[in-house]
N, C-alpha and C. Protein backbone atom coordinates (compact mmCIF):
# COMPACT_ATOMS: atom_id res chain seq x y z
N MET A 1 0.84 -1.19 0.00
CA MET A 1 0.00 0.00 0.00
C MET A 1 0.89 1.25 0.00
N LEU A 2 0.47 2.24 -0.73
CA LEU A 2 1.16 3.53 -0.79
C LEU A 2 0.12 4.62 -0.59
N PHE A 3 0.40 5.54 0.31
CA PHE A 3 -0.53 6.63 0.59
C PHE A 3 0.07 7.94 0.12
N ASP A 4 -0.71 8.70 -0.62
CA ASP A 4 -0.35 10.03 -1.09
C ASP A 4 -1.04 11.01 -0.15
N VAL A 5 -0.27 11.62 0.75
CA VAL A 5 -0.79 12.52 1.77
C VAL A 5 -0.53 13.95 1.30
N ARG A 6 -1.60 14.71 1.12
CA ARG A 6 -1.49 16.07 0.58
C ARG A 6 -2.11 17.05 1.56
N THR A 7 -1.32 18.05 1.94
CA THR A 7 -1.79 19.10 2.83
C THR A 7 -1.73 20.42 2.06
N TYR A 8 -2.83 21.14 2.07
CA TYR A 8 -2.93 22.41 1.36
C TYR A 8 -3.25 23.51 2.35
N THR A 9 -2.68 24.68 2.12
CA THR A 9 -3.00 25.86 2.90
C THR A 9 -3.61 26.89 1.96
N CYS A 10 -4.80 27.35 2.31
CA CYS A 10 -5.48 28.38 1.52
C CYS A 10 -5.15 29.75 2.11
N ARG A 11 -5.27 30.75 1.28
CA ARG A 11 -5.17 32.12 1.78
C ARG A 11 -6.37 32.36 2.71
N PRO A 12 -6.20 33.17 3.74
CA PRO A 12 -7.31 33.42 4.67
C PRO A 12 -8.58 33.85 3.94
N GLY A 13 -9.69 33.25 4.34
CA GLY A 13 -10.99 33.57 3.77
C GLY A 13 -11.32 32.86 2.47
N MET A 14 -10.43 31.98 1.99
CA MET A 14 -10.63 31.33 0.68
C MET A 14 -11.02 29.86 0.77
N LEU A 15 -10.93 29.26 1.95
CA LEU A 15 -11.17 27.82 2.07
C LEU A 15 -12.56 27.43 1.59
N LYS A 16 -13.58 28.13 2.05
CA LYS A 16 -14.95 27.79 1.66
C LYS A 16 -15.13 27.92 0.15
N LYS A 17 -14.60 28.96 -0.46
CA LYS A 17 -14.71 29.14 -1.91
C LYS A 17 -13.97 28.04 -2.65
N HIS A 18 -12.79 27.67 -2.13
CA HIS A 18 -12.04 26.57 -2.77
C HIS A 18 -12.84 25.27 -2.69
N PHE A 19 -13.40 24.97 -1.53
CA PHE A 19 -14.20 23.75 -1.37
C PHE A 19 -15.40 23.75 -2.33
N GLU A 20 -16.03 24.89 -2.53
CA GLU A 20 -17.17 24.96 -3.45
C GLU A 20 -16.76 24.59 -4.87
N ILE A 21 -15.63 25.12 -5.33
CA ILE A 21 -15.14 24.79 -6.67
C ILE A 21 -14.75 23.32 -6.75
N TYR A 22 -14.06 22.83 -5.73
CA TYR A 22 -13.65 21.43 -5.73
C TYR A 22 -14.86 20.49 -5.74
N ALA A 23 -15.84 20.75 -4.90
CA ALA A 23 -17.02 19.88 -4.82
C ALA A 23 -17.75 19.83 -6.16
N ARG A 24 -17.81 20.95 -6.83
CA ARG A 24 -18.54 21.04 -8.10
C ARG A 24 -17.74 20.49 -9.28
N LEU A 25 -16.46 20.79 -9.36
CA LEU A 25 -15.68 20.44 -10.55
C LEU A 25 -14.58 19.41 -10.31
N GLY A 26 -13.87 19.53 -9.21
CA GLY A 26 -12.72 18.67 -8.98
C GLY A 26 -13.06 17.28 -8.51
N LYS A 27 -13.95 17.20 -7.54
CA LYS A 27 -14.28 15.91 -6.95
C LYS A 27 -14.76 14.89 -7.98
N PRO A 28 -15.71 15.22 -8.86
CA PRO A 28 -16.17 14.20 -9.81
C PRO A 28 -15.04 13.64 -10.68
N ALA A 29 -14.19 14.51 -11.19
CA ALA A 29 -13.09 14.05 -12.04
C ALA A 29 -12.07 13.26 -11.24
N GLN A 30 -11.74 13.73 -10.05
CA GLN A 30 -10.73 13.06 -9.26
C GLN A 30 -11.19 11.68 -8.81
N VAL A 31 -12.40 11.58 -8.32
CA VAL A 31 -12.92 10.29 -7.86
C VAL A 31 -13.09 9.32 -9.03
N ARG A 32 -13.41 9.84 -10.19
CA ARG A 32 -13.56 8.99 -11.39
C ARG A 32 -12.24 8.24 -11.67
N HIS A 33 -11.12 8.87 -11.43
CA HIS A 33 -9.83 8.25 -11.75
C HIS A 33 -9.12 7.64 -10.55
N LEU A 34 -9.23 8.28 -9.39
CA LEU A 34 -8.49 7.82 -8.22
C LEU A 34 -9.32 6.97 -7.28
N GLY A 35 -10.64 6.96 -7.47
CA GLY A 35 -11.51 6.31 -6.51
C GLY A 35 -11.72 7.26 -5.34
N PRO A 36 -12.51 6.85 -4.36
CA PRO A 36 -12.74 7.73 -3.21
C PRO A 36 -11.46 7.86 -2.39
N PRO A 37 -11.26 9.00 -1.75
CA PRO A 37 -10.06 9.16 -0.93
C PRO A 37 -10.11 8.28 0.30
N PHE A 38 -8.94 7.94 0.80
CA PHE A 38 -8.83 7.22 2.08
C PHE A 38 -9.36 8.14 3.19
N ALA A 39 -9.05 9.44 3.05
CA ALA A 39 -9.54 10.44 4.01
C ALA A 39 -9.49 11.81 3.36
N TYR A 40 -10.39 12.69 3.78
CA TYR A 40 -10.40 14.08 3.33
C TYR A 40 -10.78 14.91 4.55
N PHE A 41 -9.84 15.70 5.05
CA PHE A 41 -10.01 16.38 6.33
C PHE A 41 -9.93 17.89 6.19
N GLN A 42 -10.68 18.57 7.04
CA GLN A 42 -10.57 20.01 7.23
C GLN A 42 -10.06 20.23 8.64
N THR A 43 -9.15 21.19 8.82
CA THR A 43 -8.56 21.44 10.13
C THR A 43 -9.62 21.94 11.12
N GLU A 44 -9.64 21.32 12.27
CA GLU A 44 -10.54 21.73 13.36
C GLU A 44 -9.83 22.71 14.29
N THR A 45 -8.57 22.39 14.63
CA THR A 45 -7.76 23.28 15.46
C THR A 45 -6.41 23.46 14.78
N GLY A 46 -5.72 24.51 15.12
CA GLY A 46 -4.46 24.81 14.44
C GLY A 46 -4.75 25.76 13.29
N ASN A 47 -4.07 25.57 12.19
CA ASN A 47 -4.25 26.46 11.04
C ASN A 47 -5.57 26.12 10.34
N VAL A 48 -6.59 26.91 10.59
CA VAL A 48 -7.93 26.64 10.06
C VAL A 48 -8.03 26.91 8.56
N ASN A 49 -6.96 27.35 7.95
CA ASN A 49 -6.93 27.56 6.50
C ASN A 49 -6.37 26.34 5.77
N GLN A 50 -6.17 25.24 6.50
CA GLN A 50 -5.60 24.03 5.90
C GLN A 50 -6.62 22.92 5.77
N PHE A 51 -6.35 22.07 4.77
CA PHE A 51 -7.08 20.82 4.64
C PHE A 51 -6.12 19.76 4.14
N MET A 52 -6.49 18.50 4.32
CA MET A 52 -5.63 17.39 3.94
C MET A 52 -6.47 16.31 3.30
N HIS A 53 -5.91 15.69 2.28
CA HIS A 53 -6.54 14.48 1.77
C HIS A 53 -5.50 13.42 1.55
N ILE A 54 -5.94 12.17 1.65
CA ILE A 54 -5.07 11.01 1.54
C ILE A 54 -5.68 10.06 0.52
N TRP A 55 -4.87 9.68 -0.45
CA TRP A 55 -5.30 8.74 -1.50
C TRP A 55 -4.48 7.47 -1.34
N ALA A 56 -5.13 6.32 -1.47
CA ALA A 56 -4.46 5.03 -1.30
C ALA A 56 -4.27 4.37 -2.67
N TYR A 57 -3.08 3.81 -2.84
CA TYR A 57 -2.73 3.11 -4.08
C TYR A 57 -2.10 1.78 -3.72
N GLU A 58 -2.16 0.85 -4.65
CA GLU A 58 -1.52 -0.44 -4.43
C GLU A 58 0.00 -0.28 -4.37
N ASN A 59 0.54 0.57 -5.24
CA ASN A 59 1.98 0.78 -5.32
C ASN A 59 2.23 2.03 -6.18
N ALA A 60 3.50 2.33 -6.42
CA ALA A 60 3.84 3.53 -7.19
C ALA A 60 3.34 3.45 -8.63
N ALA A 61 3.37 2.28 -9.22
CA ALA A 61 2.90 2.13 -10.60
C ALA A 61 1.39 2.39 -10.70
N ASP A 62 0.64 1.90 -9.72
CA ASP A 62 -0.81 2.14 -9.69
C ASP A 62 -1.08 3.63 -9.56
N ARG A 63 -0.35 4.31 -8.68
CA ARG A 63 -0.50 5.76 -8.50
C ARG A 63 -0.20 6.49 -9.81
N GLU A 64 0.90 6.14 -10.43
CA GLU A 64 1.30 6.82 -11.67
C GLU A 64 0.24 6.64 -12.77
N LYS A 65 -0.28 5.43 -12.91
CA LYS A 65 -1.29 5.14 -13.94
C LYS A 65 -2.57 5.94 -13.70
N ARG A 66 -3.07 5.92 -12.47
CA ARG A 66 -4.34 6.60 -12.18
C ARG A 66 -4.20 8.12 -12.25
N ARG A 67 -3.08 8.64 -11.77
CA ARG A 67 -2.88 10.09 -11.83
C ARG A 67 -2.68 10.56 -13.27
N ALA A 68 -2.03 9.76 -14.10
CA ALA A 68 -1.86 10.12 -15.52
C ALA A 68 -3.21 10.19 -16.22
N ALA A 69 -4.10 9.25 -15.91
CA ALA A 69 -5.45 9.27 -16.50
C ALA A 69 -6.20 10.53 -16.06
N MET A 70 -6.07 10.89 -14.78
CA MET A 70 -6.74 12.09 -14.28
C MET A 70 -6.16 13.34 -14.96
N GLN A 71 -4.85 13.41 -15.11
CA GLN A 71 -4.22 14.57 -15.74
C GLN A 71 -4.62 14.72 -17.21
N ALA A 72 -5.04 13.63 -17.84
CA ALA A 72 -5.47 13.69 -19.24
C ALA A 72 -6.95 14.04 -19.40
N ASP A 73 -7.67 14.14 -18.30
CA ASP A 73 -9.12 14.36 -18.31
C ASP A 73 -9.42 15.86 -18.45
N PRO A 74 -10.16 16.28 -19.49
CA PRO A 74 -10.52 17.69 -19.65
C PRO A 74 -11.30 18.25 -18.47
N ASP A 75 -12.09 17.42 -17.80
CA ASP A 75 -12.84 17.89 -16.62
C ASP A 75 -11.88 18.28 -15.49
N TRP A 76 -10.78 17.54 -15.36
CA TRP A 76 -9.80 17.88 -14.33
C TRP A 76 -9.11 19.20 -14.68
N HIS A 77 -8.84 19.39 -15.97
CA HIS A 77 -8.24 20.66 -16.41
C HIS A 77 -9.18 21.83 -16.15
N ALA A 78 -10.47 21.62 -16.33
CA ALA A 78 -11.46 22.68 -16.06
C ALA A 78 -11.44 23.05 -14.58
N TYR A 79 -11.35 22.05 -13.72
CA TYR A 79 -11.25 22.32 -12.28
C TYR A 79 -9.98 23.10 -11.96
N GLN A 80 -8.86 22.65 -12.50
CA GLN A 80 -7.59 23.32 -12.23
C GLN A 80 -7.63 24.79 -12.68
N ALA A 81 -8.27 25.04 -13.81
CA ALA A 81 -8.37 26.41 -14.32
C ALA A 81 -9.21 27.28 -13.38
N GLU A 82 -10.34 26.76 -12.91
CA GLU A 82 -11.19 27.51 -11.98
C GLU A 82 -10.49 27.74 -10.64
N SER A 83 -9.78 26.73 -10.18
CA SER A 83 -9.04 26.86 -8.93
C SER A 83 -7.95 27.93 -9.08
N ALA A 84 -7.24 27.92 -10.19
CA ALA A 84 -6.20 28.92 -10.43
C ALA A 84 -6.80 30.32 -10.52
N LYS A 85 -7.96 30.42 -11.18
CA LYS A 85 -8.63 31.72 -11.31
C LYS A 85 -9.01 32.26 -9.92
N LEU A 86 -9.47 31.38 -9.04
CA LEU A 86 -9.80 31.80 -7.68
C LEU A 86 -8.55 32.29 -6.94
N GLY A 87 -7.45 31.58 -7.12
CA GLY A 87 -6.21 31.96 -6.45
C GLY A 87 -6.22 31.72 -4.96
N GLY A 88 -7.00 30.75 -4.51
CA GLY A 88 -7.14 30.52 -3.08
C GLY A 88 -6.05 29.68 -2.45
N LEU A 89 -5.38 28.85 -3.24
CA LEU A 89 -4.35 27.98 -2.67
C LEU A 89 -3.04 28.72 -2.54
N ASP A 90 -2.41 28.57 -1.37
CA ASP A 90 -1.16 29.27 -1.10
C ASP A 90 0.02 28.29 -1.06
N VAL A 91 -0.14 27.16 -0.35
CA VAL A 91 0.94 26.19 -0.16
C VAL A 91 0.39 24.78 -0.34
N GLN A 92 1.21 23.92 -0.96
CA GLN A 92 0.85 22.51 -1.11
C GLN A 92 2.03 21.67 -0.65
N GLU A 93 1.76 20.66 0.18
CA GLU A 93 2.77 19.71 0.64
C GLU A 93 2.31 18.32 0.26
N ASN A 94 3.19 17.53 -0.35
CA ASN A 94 2.86 16.16 -0.72
C ASN A 94 3.86 15.21 -0.08
N ARG A 95 3.37 14.10 0.42
CA ARG A 95 4.24 13.04 0.95
C ARG A 95 3.68 11.71 0.52
N LEU A 96 4.55 10.82 0.07
CA LEU A 96 4.17 9.44 -0.19
C LEU A 96 4.60 8.64 1.02
N MET A 97 3.64 7.89 1.59
CA MET A 97 3.91 7.17 2.83
C MET A 97 3.43 5.73 2.70
N LYS A 98 4.09 4.85 3.46
CA LYS A 98 3.67 3.45 3.48
C LYS A 98 3.50 3.00 4.92
N PRO A 99 2.62 2.04 5.15
CA PRO A 99 2.39 1.56 6.51
C PRO A 99 3.62 0.81 7.04
N VAL A 100 3.79 0.84 8.34
CA VAL A 100 4.85 0.07 8.98
C VAL A 100 4.39 -1.38 9.13
N ASP A 101 5.34 -2.30 9.22
CA ASP A 101 5.02 -3.73 9.31
C ASP A 101 4.24 -4.09 10.57
N PHE A 102 4.49 -3.38 11.68
CA PHE A 102 3.87 -3.77 12.94
C PHE A 102 2.47 -3.19 13.14
N PHE A 103 1.96 -2.37 12.19
CA PHE A 103 0.57 -1.93 12.15
C PHE A 103 0.08 -2.05 10.73
N PRO A 104 -0.19 -3.26 10.26
CA PRO A 104 -0.62 -3.42 8.88
C PRO A 104 -2.00 -2.77 8.65
N MET A 105 -2.19 -2.27 7.46
CA MET A 105 -3.46 -1.63 7.09
C MET A 105 -4.48 -2.70 6.75
N LYS A 106 -5.69 -2.53 7.24
CA LYS A 106 -6.78 -3.44 6.89
C LYS A 106 -7.61 -2.75 5.81
N ARG A 107 -7.95 -3.44 4.77
CA ARG A 107 -8.71 -2.87 3.67
C ARG A 107 -10.16 -3.21 3.81
């Protein structure tokens, strides 16, 4: 299992607007190619302008194949264009992580 952990920081006051664009345009295209996320979180305490999502893949090849299909999708490009037009995202952090042997993931 390989987990793609992504943390985004929005400019203050932009999180709700970003979520509206994502729910309408990004989510359908992303879920079509990646499947549902392992988790999608909004910060409760700490930096309230942040959110995180985690996508699960069988391995790096599975991730590469599914993300390439998403990147080729015109609907995903439409979402990216609207998100860029909004200008709400400030910082993006990505980490690929795998479970440790002594706490195996149950599917």
